[in-house]
PDB file of N, CA and C in Angstrom:
ATOM      1  N   MET A   1      24.442  69.335  69.627  1.00  0.00           N
ATOM      2  CA  MET A   1      23.404  68.326  69.456  1.00  0.00           C
ATOM      3  C   MET A   1      23.748  67.110  70.308  1.00  0.00           C
ATOM      4  N   CYS A   2      22.816  66.661  71.063  1.00  0.00           N
ATOM      5  CA  CYS A   2      23.021  65.412  71.781  1.00  0.00           C
ATOM      6  C   CYS A   2      22.644  64.260  70.860  1.00  0.00           C
ATOM      7  N   ASP A   3      23.043  63.093  71.186  1.00  0.00           N
ATOM      8  CA  ASP A   3      22.756  61.895  70.390  1.00  0.00           C
ATOM      9  C   ASP A   3      23.370  61.952  68.999  1.00  0.00           C
ATOM     10  N   GLY A   4      24.467  62.695  68.843  1.00  0.00           N
ATOM     11  CA  GLY A   4      25.172  62.748  67.569  1.00  0.00           C
ATOM     12  C   GLY A   4      24.368  63.361  66.435  1.00  0.00           C
ATOM     13  N   GLY A   5      23.331  64.107  66.733  1.00  0.00           N
ATOM     14  CA  GLY A   5      22.548  64.751  65.697  1.00  0.00           C
ATOM     15  C   GLY A   5      21.439  63.891  65.115  1.00  0.00           C
ATOM     16  N   ARG A   6      21.270  62.704  65.623  1.00  0.00           N
ATOM     17  CA  ARG A   6      20.273  61.775  65.067  1.00  0.00           C
ATOM     18  C   ARG A   6      18.842  62.325  65.092  1.00  0.00           C
ATOM     19  N   PRO A   7      18.420  62.966  66.191  1.00  0.00           N
ATOM     20  CA  PRO A   7      17.038  63.502  66.179  1.00  0.00           C
ATOM     21  C   PRO A   7      16.837  64.545  65.063  1.00  0.00           C
ATOM     22  N   LEU A   8      17.830  65.385  64.829  1.00  0.00           N
ATOM     23  CA  LEU A   8      17.727  66.377  63.765  1.00  0.00           C
ATOM     24  C   LEU A   8      17.698  65.695  62.407  1.00  0.00           C
ATOM     25  N   TRP A   9      18.548  64.705  62.209  1.00  0.00           N
ATOM     26  CA  TRP A   9      18.594  63.935  60.952  1.00  0.00           C
ATOM     27  C   TRP A   9      17.218  63.326  60.651  1.00  0.00           C
ATOM     28  N   ASP A  10      16.642  62.655  61.658  1.00  0.00           N
ATOM     29  CA  ASP A  10      15.340  62.016  61.480  1.00  0.00           C
ATOM     30  C   ASP A  10      14.245  63.045  61.210  1.00  0.00           C
ATOM     31  N   TYR A  11      14.301  64.168  61.918  1.00  0.00           N
ATOM     32  CA  TYR A  11      13.314  65.228  61.701  1.00  0.00           C
ATOM     33  C   TYR A  11      13.385  65.747  60.264  1.00  0.00           C
ATOM     34  N   LEU A  12      14.586  66.016  59.774  1.00  0.00           N
ATOM     35  CA  LEU A  12      14.756  66.517  58.407  1.00  0.00           C
ATOM     36  C   LEU A  12      14.312  65.490  57.371  1.00  0.00           C
ATOM     37  N   ALA A  13      14.627  64.234  57.600  1.00  0.00           N
ATOM     38  CA  ALA A  13      14.214  63.183  56.662  1.00  0.00           C
ATOM     39  C   ALA A  13      12.688  63.130  56.573  1.00  0.00           C
ATOM     40  N   LYS A  14      12.018  63.213  57.701  1.00  0.00           N
ATOM     41  CA  LYS A  14      10.550  63.200  57.691  1.00  0.00           C
ATOM     42  C   LYS A  14       9.993  64.458  57.038  1.00  0.00           C
ATOM     43  N   ALA A  15      10.620  65.609  57.279  1.00  0.00           N
ATOM     44  CA  ALA A  15      10.152  66.858  56.673  1.00  0.00           C
ATOM     45  C   ALA A  15      10.297  66.813  55.154  1.00  0.00           C
ATOM     46  N   VAL A  16      11.368  66.209  54.652  1.00  0.00           N
ATOM     47  CA  VAL A  16      11.563  66.088  53.207  1.00  0.00           C
ATOM     48  C   VAL A  16      10.582  65.071  52.625  1.00  0.00           C
ATOM     49  N   ALA A  17      10.404  63.959  53.298  1.00  0.00           N
ATOM     50  CA  ALA A  17       9.534  62.894  52.788  1.00  0.00           C
ATOM     51  C   ALA A  17       8.054  63.263  52.837  1.00  0.00           C
ATOM     52  N   PHE A  18       7.675  64.069  53.811  1.00  0.00           N
ATOM     53  CA  PHE A  18       6.265  64.399  54.005  1.00  0.00           C
ATOM     54  C   PHE A  18       6.060  65.913  54.022  1.00  0.00           C
ATOM     55  N   PRO A  19       6.206  66.559  52.857  1.00  0.00           N
ATOM     56  CA  PRO A  19       6.005  68.008  52.795  1.00  0.00           C
ATOM     57  C   PRO A  19       4.534  68.371  53.035  1.00  0.00           C
ATOM     58  N   ALA A  20       4.284  69.664  53.163  1.00  0.00           N
ATOM     59  CA  ALA A  20       2.944  70.148  53.495  1.00  0.00           C
ATOM     60  C   ALA A  20       1.899  69.835  52.429  1.00  0.00           C
ATOM     61  N   ASP A  21       2.303  69.759  51.168  1.00  0.00           N
ATOM     62  CA  ASP A  21       1.306  69.482  50.136  1.00  0.00           C
ATOM     63  C   ASP A  21       1.739  68.298  49.275  1.00  0.00           C
ATOM     64  N   GLN A  22       0.749  67.628  48.695  1.00  0.00           N
ATOM     65  CA  GLN A  22       0.992  66.399  47.946  1.00  0.00           C
ATOM     66  C   GLN A  22       1.722  66.620  46.630  1.00  0.00           C
ATOM     67  N   ALA A  23       1.515  67.757  45.981  1.00  0.00           N
ATOM     68  CA  ALA A  23       2.229  68.029  44.727  1.00  0.00           C
ATOM     69  C   ALA A  23       3.730  68.099  44.988  1.00  0.00           C
ATOM     70  N   THR A  24       4.111  68.719  46.082  1.00  0.00           N
ATOM     71  CA  THR A  24       5.529  68.789  46.441  1.00  0.00           C
ATOM     72  C   THR A  24       6.070  67.396  46.719  1.00  0.00           C
ATOM     73  N   ALA A  25       5.271  66.538  47.328  1.00  0.00           N
ATOM     74  CA  ALA A  25       5.703  65.163  47.593  1.00  0.00           C
ATOM     75  C   ALA A  25       5.969  64.409  46.292  1.00  0.00           C
ATOM     76  N   VAL A  26       5.113  64.606  45.290  1.00  0.00           N
ATOM     77  CA  VAL A  26       5.308  63.948  43.995  1.00  0.00           C
ATOM     78  C   VAL A  26       6.607  64.416  43.357  1.00  0.00           C
ATOM     79  N   VAL A  27       6.837  65.720  43.362  1.00  0.00           N
ATOM     80  CA  VAL A  27       8.055  66.263  42.748  1.00  0.00           C
ATOM     81  C   VAL A  27       9.292  65.853  43.552  1.00  0.00           C
ATOM     82  N   THR A  28       9.185  65.820  44.858  1.00  0.00           N
ATOM     83  CA  THR A  28      10.310  65.385  45.699  1.00  0.00           C
ATOM     84  C   THR A  28      10.720  63.960  45.346  1.00  0.00           C
ATOM     85  N   ARG A  29       9.744  63.096  45.179  1.00  0.00           N
ATOM     86  CA  ARG A  29      10.022  61.695  44.807  1.00  0.00           C
ATOM     87  C   ARG A  29      10.778  61.643  43.473  1.00  0.00           C
ATOM     88  N   MET A  30      10.353  62.457  42.514  1.00  0.00           N
ATOM     89  CA  MET A  30      11.006  62.484  41.204  1.00  0.00           C
ATOM     90  C   MET A  30      12.441  63.005  41.312  1.00  0.00           C
ATOM     91  N   VAL A  31      12.627  64.083  42.056  1.00  0.00           N
ATOM     92  CA  VAL A  31      13.954  64.684  42.184  1.00  0.00           C
ATOM     93  C   VAL A  31      14.910  63.721  42.887  1.00  0.00           C
ATOM     94  N   ILE A  32      14.442  63.046  43.910  1.00  0.00           N
ATOM     95  CA  ILE A  32      15.288  62.071  44.607  1.00  0.00           C
ATOM     96  C   ILE A  32      15.695  60.957  43.652  1.00  0.00           C
ATOM     97  N   HIS A  33      14.761  60.486  42.854  1.00  0.00           N
ATOM     98  CA  HIS A  33      15.089  59.461  41.854  1.00  0.00           C
ATOM     99  C   HIS A  33      16.171  59.977  40.908  1.00  0.00           C
ATOM    100  N   TRP A  34      16.017  61.190  40.404  1.00  0.00           N
ATOM    101  CA  TRP A  34      17.006  61.761  39.489  1.00  0.00           C
ATOM    102  C   TRP A  34      18.364  61.932  40.154  1.00  0.00           C
ATOM    103  N   LEU A  35      18.374  62.300  41.429  1.00  0.00           N
ATOM    104  CA  LEU A  35      19.651  62.448  42.140  1.00  0.00           C
ATOM    105  C   LEU A  35      20.356  61.103  42.267  1.00  0.00           C
ATOM    106  N   PHE A  36      19.602  60.060  42.580  1.00  0.00           N
ATOM    107  CA  PHE A  36      20.205  58.729  42.658  1.00  0.00           C
ATOM    108  C   PHE A  36      20.717  58.267  41.303  1.00  0.00           C
ATOM    109  N   GLU A  37      19.965  58.547  40.261  1.00  0.00           N
ATOM    110  CA  GLU A  37      20.361  58.140  38.910  1.00  0.00           C
ATOM    111  C   GLU A  37      21.502  59.003  38.363  1.00  0.00           C
ATOM    112  N   GLY A  38      21.646  60.204  38.903  1.00  0.00           N
ATOM    113  CA  GLY A  38      22.659  61.128  38.391  1.00  0.00           C
ATOM    114  C   GLY A  38      22.307  61.643  37.010  1.00  0.00           C
ATOM    115  N   SER A  39      20.994  61.717  36.715  1.00  0.00           N
ATOM    116  CA  SER A  39      20.576  62.096  35.365  1.00  0.00           C
ATOM    117  C   SER A  39      19.300  62.922  35.379  1.00  0.00           C
ATOM    118  N   THR A  40      19.380  64.125  35.910  1.00  0.00           N
ATOM    119  CA  THR A  40      18.232  65.029  35.872  1.00  0.00           C
ATOM    120  C   THR A  40      18.017  65.480  34.433  1.00  0.00           C
ATOM    121  N   PRO A  41      16.793  65.380  33.933  1.00  0.00           N
ATOM    122  CA  PRO A  41      16.542  65.807  32.552  1.00  0.00           C
ATOM    123  C   PRO A  41      16.870  67.287  32.346  1.00  0.00           C
ATOM    124  N   ASP A  42      17.140  67.650  31.119  1.00  0.00           N
ATOM    125  CA  ASP A  42      17.380  69.048  30.782  1.00  0.00           C
ATOM    126  C   ASP A  42      16.146  69.877  31.096  1.00  0.00           C
ATOM    127  N   TRP A  43      16.310  71.193  31.071  1.00  0.00           N
ATOM    128  CA  TRP A  43      15.302  72.135  31.528  1.00  0.00           C
ATOM    129  C   TRP A  43      13.932  71.916  30.892  1.00  0.00           C
ATOM    130  N   GLU A  44      13.814  71.946  29.587  1.00  0.00           N
ATOM    131  CA  GLU A  44      12.507  71.849  28.937  1.00  0.00           C
ATOM    132  C   GLU A  44      11.860  70.470  29.115  1.00  0.00           C
ATOM    133  N   PRO A  45      12.588  69.379  28.865  1.00  0.00           N
ATOM    134  CA  PRO A  45      11.963  68.063  29.125  1.00  0.00           C
ATOM    135  C   PRO A  45      11.586  67.863  30.596  1.00  0.00           C
ATOM    136  N   ARG A  46      12.383  68.416  31.498  1.00  0.00           N
ATOM    137  CA  ARG A  46      12.103  68.278  32.936  1.00  0.00           C
ATOM    138  C   ARG A  46      10.773  68.954  33.277  1.00  0.00           C
ATOM    139  N   ARG A  47      10.553  70.158  32.772  1.00  0.00           N
ATOM    140  CA  ARG A  47       9.289  70.860  33.019  1.00  0.00           C
ATOM    141  C   ARG A  47       8.113  70.034  32.503  1.00  0.00           C
ATOM    142  N   ARG A  48       8.277  69.460  31.325  1.00  0.00           N
ATOM    143  CA  ARG A  48       7.200  68.674  30.706  1.00  0.00           C
ATOM    144  C   ARG A  48       6.929  67.407  31.529  1.00  0.00           C
ATOM    145  N   VAL A  49       7.977  66.707  31.941  1.00  0.00           N
ATOM    146  CA  VAL A  49       7.810  65.472  32.727  1.00  0.00           C
ATOM    147  C   VAL A  49       7.104  65.773  34.045  1.00  0.00           C
ATOM    148  N   ILE A  50       7.513  66.840  34.710  1.00  0.00           N
ATOM    149  CA  ILE A  50       6.899  67.189  35.991  1.00  0.00           C
ATOM    150  C   ILE A  50       5.435  67.569  35.796  1.00  0.00           C
ATOM    151  N   ALA A  51       5.160  68.438  34.821  1.00  0.00           N
ATOM    152  CA  ALA A  51       3.773  68.857  34.571  1.00  0.00           C
ATOM    153  C   ALA A  51       2.909  67.654  34.190  1.00  0.00           C
ATOM    154  N   ASP A  52       3.414  66.802  33.307  1.00  0.00           N
ATOM    155  CA  ASP A  52       2.649  65.617  32.889  1.00  0.00           C
ATOM    156  C   ASP A  52       2.378  64.680  34.052  1.00  0.00           C
ATOM    157  N   THR A  53       3.383  64.486  34.900  1.00  0.00           N
ATOM    158  CA  THR A  53       3.223  63.603  36.061  1.00  0.00           C
ATOM    159  C   THR A  53       2.184  64.158  37.026  1.00  0.00           C
ATOM    160  N   LEU A  54       2.255  65.458  37.296  1.00  0.00           N
ATOM    161  CA  LEU A  54       1.286  66.077  38.201  1.00  0.00           C
ATOM    162  C   LEU A  54      -0.127  66.013  37.616  1.00  0.00           C
ATOM    163  N   ASN A  55      -0.243  66.275  36.323  1.00  0.00           N
ATOM    164  CA  ASN A  55      -1.555  66.216  35.680  1.00  0.00           C
ATOM    165  C   ASN A  55      -2.118  64.798  35.688  1.00  0.00           C
ATOM    166  N   ALA A  56      -1.259  63.817  35.424  1.00  0.00           N
ATOM    167  CA  ALA A  56      -1.704  62.415  35.436  1.00  0.00           C
ATOM    168  C   ALA A  56      -2.149  61.983  36.835  1.00  0.00           C
ATOM    169  N   ALA A  57      -1.528  62.599  37.866  1.00  0.00           N
ATOM    170  CA  ALA A  57      -1.896  62.271  39.243  1.00  0.00           C
ATOM    171  C   ALA A  57      -3.154  63.017  39.692  1.00  0.00           C
ATOM    172  N   GLY A  58      -3.715  63.852  38.803  1.00  0.00           N
ATOM    173  CA  GLY A  58      -4.963  64.530  39.120  1.00  0.00           C
ATOM    174  C   GLY A  58      -4.823  65.927  39.677  1.00  0.00           C
ATOM    175  N   PHE A  59      -3.616  66.457  39.728  1.00  0.00           N
ATOM    176  CA  PHE A  59      -3.441  67.814  40.238  1.00  0.00           C
ATOM    177  C   PHE A  59      -3.898  68.815  39.188  1.00  0.00           C
ATOM    178  N   ARG A  60      -4.503  69.891  39.650  1.00  0.00           N
ATOM    179  CA  ARG A  60      -4.950  70.968  38.778  1.00  0.00           C
ATOM    180  C   ARG A  60      -4.672  72.301  39.451  1.00  0.00           C
ATOM    181  N   VAL A  61      -4.588  73.347  38.641  1.00  0.00           N
ATOM    182  CA  VAL A  61      -4.430  74.690  39.184  1.00  0.00           C
ATOM    183  C   VAL A  61      -5.808  75.335  39.250  1.00  0.00           C
ATOM    184  N   GLU A  62      -5.847  76.566  39.694  1.00  0.00           N
ATOM    185  CA  GLU A  62      -7.105  77.283  39.858  1.00  0.00           C
ATOM    186  C   GLU A  62      -7.956  77.210  38.595  1.00  0.00           C
ATOM    187  N   GLY A  63      -9.222  76.977  38.775  1.00  0.00           N
ATOM    188  CA  GLY A  63     -10.140  76.869  37.647  1.00  0.00           C
ATOM    189  C   GLY A  63     -10.163  75.488  37.025  1.00  0.00           C
ATOM    190  N   GLY A  64      -9.473  74.518  37.632  1.00  0.00           N
ATOM    191  CA  GLY A  64      -9.471  73.153  37.121  1.00  0.00           C
ATOM    192  C   GLY A  64      -8.604  72.932  35.901  1.00  0.00           C
ATOM    193  N   LYS A  65      -7.746  73.888  35.587  1.00  0.00           N
ATOM    194  CA  LYS A  65      -6.872  73.765  34.414  1.00  0.00           C
ATOM    195  C   LYS A  65      -5.682  72.872  34.736  1.00  0.00           C
ATOM    196  N   PRO A  66      -5.093  72.243  33.713  1.00  0.00           N
ATOM    197  CA  PRO A  66      -3.892  71.421  33.924  1.00  0.00           C
ATOM    198  C   PRO A  66      -2.732  72.247  34.467  1.00  0.00           C
ATOM    199  N   VAL A  67      -1.815  71.588  35.125  1.00  0.00           N
ATOM    200  CA  VAL A  67      -0.630  72.251  35.675  1.00  0.00           C
ATOM    201  C   VAL A  67       0.226  72.758  34.517  1.00  0.00           C
ATOM    202  N   PRO A  68       0.489  74.077  34.466  1.00  0.00           N
ATOM    203  CA  PRO A  68       1.300  74.616  33.377  1.00  0.00           C
ATOM    204  C   PRO A  68       2.793  74.357  33.609  1.00  0.00           C
ATOM    205  N   LEU A  69       3.565  74.480  32.544  1.00  0.00           N
ATOM    206  CA  LEU A  69       5.002  74.225  32.616  1.00  0.00           C
ATOM    207  C   LEU A  69       5.698  75.139  33.625  1.00  0.00           C
ATOM    208  N   ASP A  70       5.301  76.397  33.682  1.00  0.00           N
ATOM    209  CA  ASP A  70       5.943  77.334  34.610  1.00  0.00           C
ATOM    210  C   ASP A  70       5.704  76.940  36.065  1.00  0.00           C
ATOM    211  N   ALA A  71       4.518  76.456  36.365  1.00  0.00           N
ATOM    212  CA  ALA A  71       4.226  76.012  37.730  1.00  0.00           C
ATOM    213  C   ALA A  71       5.032  74.760  38.071  1.00  0.00           C
ATOM    214  N   ALA A  72       5.179  73.873  37.096  1.00  0.00           N
ATOM    215  CA  ALA A  72       5.989  72.669  37.306  1.00  0.00           C
ATOM    216  C   ALA A  72       7.441  73.046  37.581  1.00  0.00           C
ATOM    217  N   GLN A  73       7.964  74.001  36.811  1.00  0.00           N
ATOM    218  CA  GLN A  73       9.345  74.445  37.005  1.00  0.00           C
ATOM    219  C   GLN A  73       9.521  75.110  38.369  1.00  0.00           C
ATOM    220  N   ALA A  74       8.544  75.908  38.776  1.00  0.00           N
ATOM    221  CA  ALA A  74       8.628  76.579  40.073  1.00  0.00           C
ATOM    222  C   ALA A  74       8.639  75.560  41.211  1.00  0.00           C
ATOM    223  N   LEU A  75       7.825  74.538  41.099  1.00  0.00           N
ATOM    224  CA  LEU A  75       7.783  73.502  42.135  1.00  0.00           C
ATOM    225  C   LEU A  75       9.104  72.741  42.178  1.00  0.00           C
ATOM    226  N   TYR A  76       9.642  72.406  41.007  1.00  0.00           N
ATOM    227  CA  TYR A  76      10.945  71.745  40.935  1.00  0.00           C
ATOM    228  C   TYR A  76      12.017  72.619  41.592  1.00  0.00           C
ATOM    229  N   SER A  77      12.014  73.905  41.277  1.00  0.00           N
ATOM    230  CA  SER A  77      13.016  74.821  41.835  1.00  0.00           C
ATOM    231  C   SER A  77      12.931  74.876  43.354  1.00  0.00           C
ATOM    232  N   ASP A  78      11.715  74.876  43.895  1.00  0.00           N
ATOM    233  CA  ASP A  78      11.545  74.888  45.349  1.00  0.00           C
ATOM    234  C   ASP A  78      12.118  73.618  45.986  1.00  0.00           C
ATOM    235  N   VAL A  79      11.820  72.477  45.378  1.00  0.00           N
ATOM    236  CA  VAL A  79      12.314  71.200  45.915  1.00  0.00           C
ATOM    237  C   VAL A  79      13.832  71.142  45.820  1.00  0.00           C
ATOM    238  N   ARG A  80      14.400  71.510  44.663  1.00  0.00           N
ATOM    239  CA  ARG A  80      15.855  71.475  44.500  1.00  0.00           C
ATOM    240  C   ARG A  80      16.547  72.428  45.458  1.00  0.00           C
ATOM    241  N   TRP A  81      15.980  73.620  45.659  1.00  0.00           N
ATOM    242  CA  TRP A  81      16.588  74.573  46.579  1.00  0.00           C
ATOM    243  C   TRP A  81      16.614  73.994  47.985  1.00  0.00           C
ATOM    244  N   MET A  82      15.510  73.389  48.399  1.00  0.00           N
ATOM    245  CA  MET A  82      15.447  72.798  49.732  1.00  0.00           C
ATOM    246  C   MET A  82      16.498  71.694  49.885  1.00  0.00           C
ATOM    247  N   LEU A  83      16.623  70.829  48.882  1.00  0.00           N
ATOM    248  CA  LEU A  83      17.608  69.751  48.954  1.00  0.00           C
ATOM    249  C   LEU A  83      19.031  70.298  48.865  1.00  0.00           C
ATOM    250  N   ASP A  84      19.244  71.325  48.043  1.00  0.00           N
ATOM    251  CA  ASP A  84      20.575  71.927  47.941  1.00  0.00           C
ATOM    252  C   ASP A  84      21.006  72.554  49.260  1.00  0.00           C
ATOM    253  N   CYS A  85      20.050  73.100  50.012  1.00  0.00           N
ATOM    254  CA  CYS A  85      20.376  73.679  51.322  1.00  0.00           C
ATOM    255  C   CYS A  85      20.919  72.630  52.287  1.00  0.00           C
ATOM    256  N   LEU A  86      20.565  71.379  52.074  1.00  0.00           N
ATOM    257  CA  LEU A  86      21.051  70.297  52.931  1.00  0.00           C
ATOM    258  C   LEU A  86      22.458  69.845  52.554  1.00  0.00           C
ATOM    259  N   GLN A  87      22.992  70.379  51.452  1.00  0.00           N
ATOM    260  CA  GLN A  87      24.349  70.075  50.985  1.00  0.00           C
ATOM    261  C   GLN A  87      24.587  68.571  50.900  1.00  0.00           C
ATOM    262  N   LEU A  88      23.759  67.926  50.108  1.00  0.00           N
ATOM    263  CA  LEU A  88      23.833  66.479  49.935  1.00  0.00           C
ATOM    264  C   LEU A  88      24.829  66.059  48.856  1.00  0.00           C
ATOM    265  N   LYS A  89      25.332  67.024  48.099  1.00  0.00           N
ATOM    266  CA  LYS A  89      26.215  66.713  46.975  1.00  0.00           C
ATOM    267  C   LYS A  89      27.601  67.315  47.187  1.00  0.00           C
ATOM    268  N   VAL A  90      28.585  66.680  46.536  1.00  0.00           N
ATOM    269  CA  VAL A  90      29.943  67.212  46.525  1.00  0.00           C
ATOM    270  C   VAL A  90      29.894  68.501  45.707  1.00  0.00           C
ATOM    271  N   PRO A  91      30.503  69.582  46.182  1.00  0.00           N
ATOM    272  CA  PRO A  91      30.454  70.826  45.409  1.00  0.00           C
ATOM    273  C   PRO A  91      31.033  70.650  44.005  1.00  0.00           C
ATOM    274  N   GLU A  92      30.401  71.319  43.032  1.00  0.00           N
ATOM    275  CA  GLU A  92      30.857  71.260  41.645  1.00  0.00           C
ATOM    276  C   GLU A  92      32.123  72.092  41.492  1.00  0.00           C
ATOM    277  N   ARG A  93      33.037  71.591  40.668  1.00  0.00           N
ATOM    278  CA  ARG A  93      34.275  72.331  40.430  1.00  0.00           C
ATOM    279  C   ARG A  93      34.158  73.270  39.242  1.00  0.00           C
ATOM    280  N   THR A  94      33.376  72.858  38.260  1.00  0.00           N
ATOM    281  CA  THR A  94      33.165  73.697  37.086  1.00  0.00           C
ATOM    282  C   THR A  94      31.673  73.789  36.824  1.00  0.00           C
ATOM    283  N   PHE A  95      31.276  74.756  36.024  1.00  0.00           N
ATOM    284  CA  PHE A  95      29.859  75.005  35.770  1.00  0.00           C
ATOM    285  C   PHE A  95      29.152  73.787  35.199  1.00  0.00           C
ATOM    286  N   GLY A  96      29.728  73.123  34.219  1.00  0.00           N
ATOM    287  CA  GLY A  96      29.056  72.019  33.548  1.00  0.00           C
ATOM    288  C   GLY A  96      29.230  70.670  34.206  1.00  0.00           C
ATOM    289  N   GLU A  97      30.024  70.599  35.226  1.00  0.00           N
ATOM    290  CA  GLU A  97      30.316  69.321  35.875  1.00  0.00           C
ATOM    291  C   GLU A  97      29.152  68.872  36.752  1.00  0.00           C
ATOM    292  N   ALA A  98      28.737  67.645  36.578  1.00  0.00           N
ATOM    293  CA  ALA A  98      27.660  67.094  37.399  1.00  0.00           C
ATOM    294  C   ALA A  98      28.201  66.753  38.788  1.00  0.00           C
ATOM    295  N   ALA A  99      27.494  67.196  39.808  1.00  0.00           N
ATOM    296  CA  ALA A  99      27.916  66.926  41.175  1.00  0.00           C
ATOM    297  C   ALA A  99      27.366  65.582  41.632  1.00  0.00           C
ATOM    298  N   ASN A 100      28.176  64.838  42.344  1.00  0.00           N
ATOM    299  CA  ASN A 100      27.777  63.544  42.882  1.00  0.00           C
ATOM    300  C   ASN A 100      27.286  63.709  44.311  1.00  0.00           C
ATOM    301  N   LEU A 101      26.432  62.789  44.717  1.00  0.00           N
ATOM    302  CA  LEU A 101      25.983  62.780  46.102  1.00  0.00           C
ATOM    303  C   LEU A 101      27.147  62.405  47.014  1.00  0.00           C
ATOM    304  N   THR A 102      27.203  63.021  48.176  1.00  0.00           N
ATOM    305  CA  THR A 102      28.168  62.591  49.182  1.00  0.00           C
ATOM    306  C   THR A 102      27.672  61.280  49.783  1.00  0.00           C
ATOM    307  N   ASP A 103      28.518  60.614  50.540  1.00  0.00           N
ATOM    308  CA  ASP A 103      28.080  59.383  51.215  1.00  0.00           C
ATOM    309  C   ASP A 103      26.928  59.692  52.171  1.00  0.00           C
ATOM    310  N   GLY A 104      27.066  60.799  52.909  1.00  0.00           N
ATOM    311  CA  GLY A 104      26.003  61.209  53.823  1.00  0.00           C
ATOM    312  C   GLY A 104      24.737  61.596  53.076  1.00  0.00           C
ATOM    313  N   GLY A 105      24.894  62.262  51.932  1.00  0.00           N
ATOM    314  CA  GLY A 105      23.744  62.646  51.118  1.00  0.00           C
ATOM    315  C   GLY A 105      22.999  61.428  50.605  1.00  0.00           C
ATOM    316  N   ARG A 106      23.755  60.437  50.142  1.00  0.00           N
ATOM    317  CA  ARG A 106      23.134  59.195  49.657  1.00  0.00           C
ATOM    318  C   ARG A 106      22.403  58.489  50.804  1.00  0.00           C
ATOM    319  N   LYS A 107      23.027  58.430  51.970  1.00  0.00           N
ATOM    320  CA  LYS A 107      22.412  57.775  53.127  1.00  0.00           C
ATOM    321  C   LYS A 107      21.131  58.510  53.535  1.00  0.00           C
ATOM    322  N   PHE A 108      21.184  59.837  53.535  1.00  0.00           N
ATOM    323  CA  PHE A 108      20.018  60.635  53.894  1.00  0.00           C
ATOM    324  C   PHE A 108      18.880  60.387  52.908  1.00  0.00           C
ATOM    325  N   LEU A 109      19.183  60.434  51.612  1.00  0.00           N
ATOM    326  CA  LEU A 109      18.142  60.240  50.599  1.00  0.00           C
ATOM    327  C   LEU A 109      17.593  58.815  50.606  1.00  0.00           C
ATOM    328  N   LEU A 110      18.425  57.844  50.962  1.00  0.00           N
ATOM    329  CA  LEU A 110      17.916  56.472  51.109  1.00  0.00           C
ATOM    330  C   LEU A 110      16.897  56.389  52.238  1.00  0.00           C
ATOM    331  N   GLN A 111      17.166  57.109  53.326  1.00  0.00           N
ATOM    332  CA  GLN A 111      16.207  57.126  54.427  1.00  0.00           C
ATOM    333  C   GLN A 111      14.912  57.813  53.992  1.00  0.00           C
ATOM    334  N   VAL A 112      15.027  58.942  53.285  1.00  0.00           N
ATOM    335  CA  VAL A 112      13.842  59.641  52.786  1.00  0.00           C
ATOM    336  C   VAL A 112      13.064  58.733  51.830  1.00  0.00           C
ATOM    337  N   GLN A 113      13.774  58.074  50.943  1.00  0.00           N
ATOM    338  CA  GLN A 113      13.133  57.169  49.989  1.00  0.00           C
ATOM    339  C   GLN A 113      12.385  56.052  50.712  1.00  0.00           C
ATOM    340  N   GLY A 114      12.994  55.515  51.748  1.00  0.00           N
ATOM    341  CA  GLY A 114      12.333  54.485  52.546  1.00  0.00           C
ATOM    342  C   GLY A 114      11.060  54.993  53.192  1.00  0.00           C
ATOM    343  N   LEU A 115      11.085  56.233  53.676  1.00  0.00           N
ATOM    344  CA  LEU A 115       9.874  56.828  54.244  1.00  0.00           C
ATOM    345  C   LEU A 115       8.803  57.023  53.185  1.00  0.00           C
ATOM    346  N   LEU A 116       9.217  57.417  51.986  1.00  0.00           N
ATOM    347  CA  LEU A 116       8.262  57.630  50.890  1.00  0.00           C
ATOM    348  C   LEU A 116       7.584  56.333  50.480  1.00  0.00           C
ATOM    349  N   GLU A 117       8.341  55.252  50.503  1.00  0.00           N
ATOM    350  CA  GLU A 117       7.804  53.951  50.075  1.00  0.00           C
ATOM    351  C   GLU A 117       6.953  53.298  51.157  1.00  0.00           C
ATOM    352  N   GLY A 118       7.128  53.736  52.392  1.00  0.00           N
ATOM    353  CA  GLY A 118       6.332  53.198  53.489  1.00  0.00           C
ATOM    354  C   GLY A 118       6.833  51.859  53.971  1.00  0.00           C
ATOM    355  N   PRO A 119       6.184  51.332  54.999  1.00  0.00           N
ATOM    356  CA  PRO A 119       6.627  50.053  55.582  1.00  0.00           C
ATOM    357  C   PRO A 119       6.393  48.871  54.684  1.00  0.00           C
TER     358      PRO A 119
END
């Protein structure tokens, strides 16, 4: 990579901040907040929070029905998998141990957050 990888870094930050669909953008914003806080809700409350947030924002599934919990969980899983692929966190040593963001991961997510908030 020329330029120390900066063009790739900027490209990835924009791709994370501006996904193809708006529902993913809403969930991405939530997941980034949880990563900064170090407090992702447990499985069942997380599904409910995501579904409620998407429904409150006006998102609906086919037939105009509210976003179901399973769809909310699937969207969360897609966002987390994408962020996990970027290896933004220190690897966990044990199953129950919460992983912390690396310095680079925190810097990357701050840039994404800045893009999400706009100028």
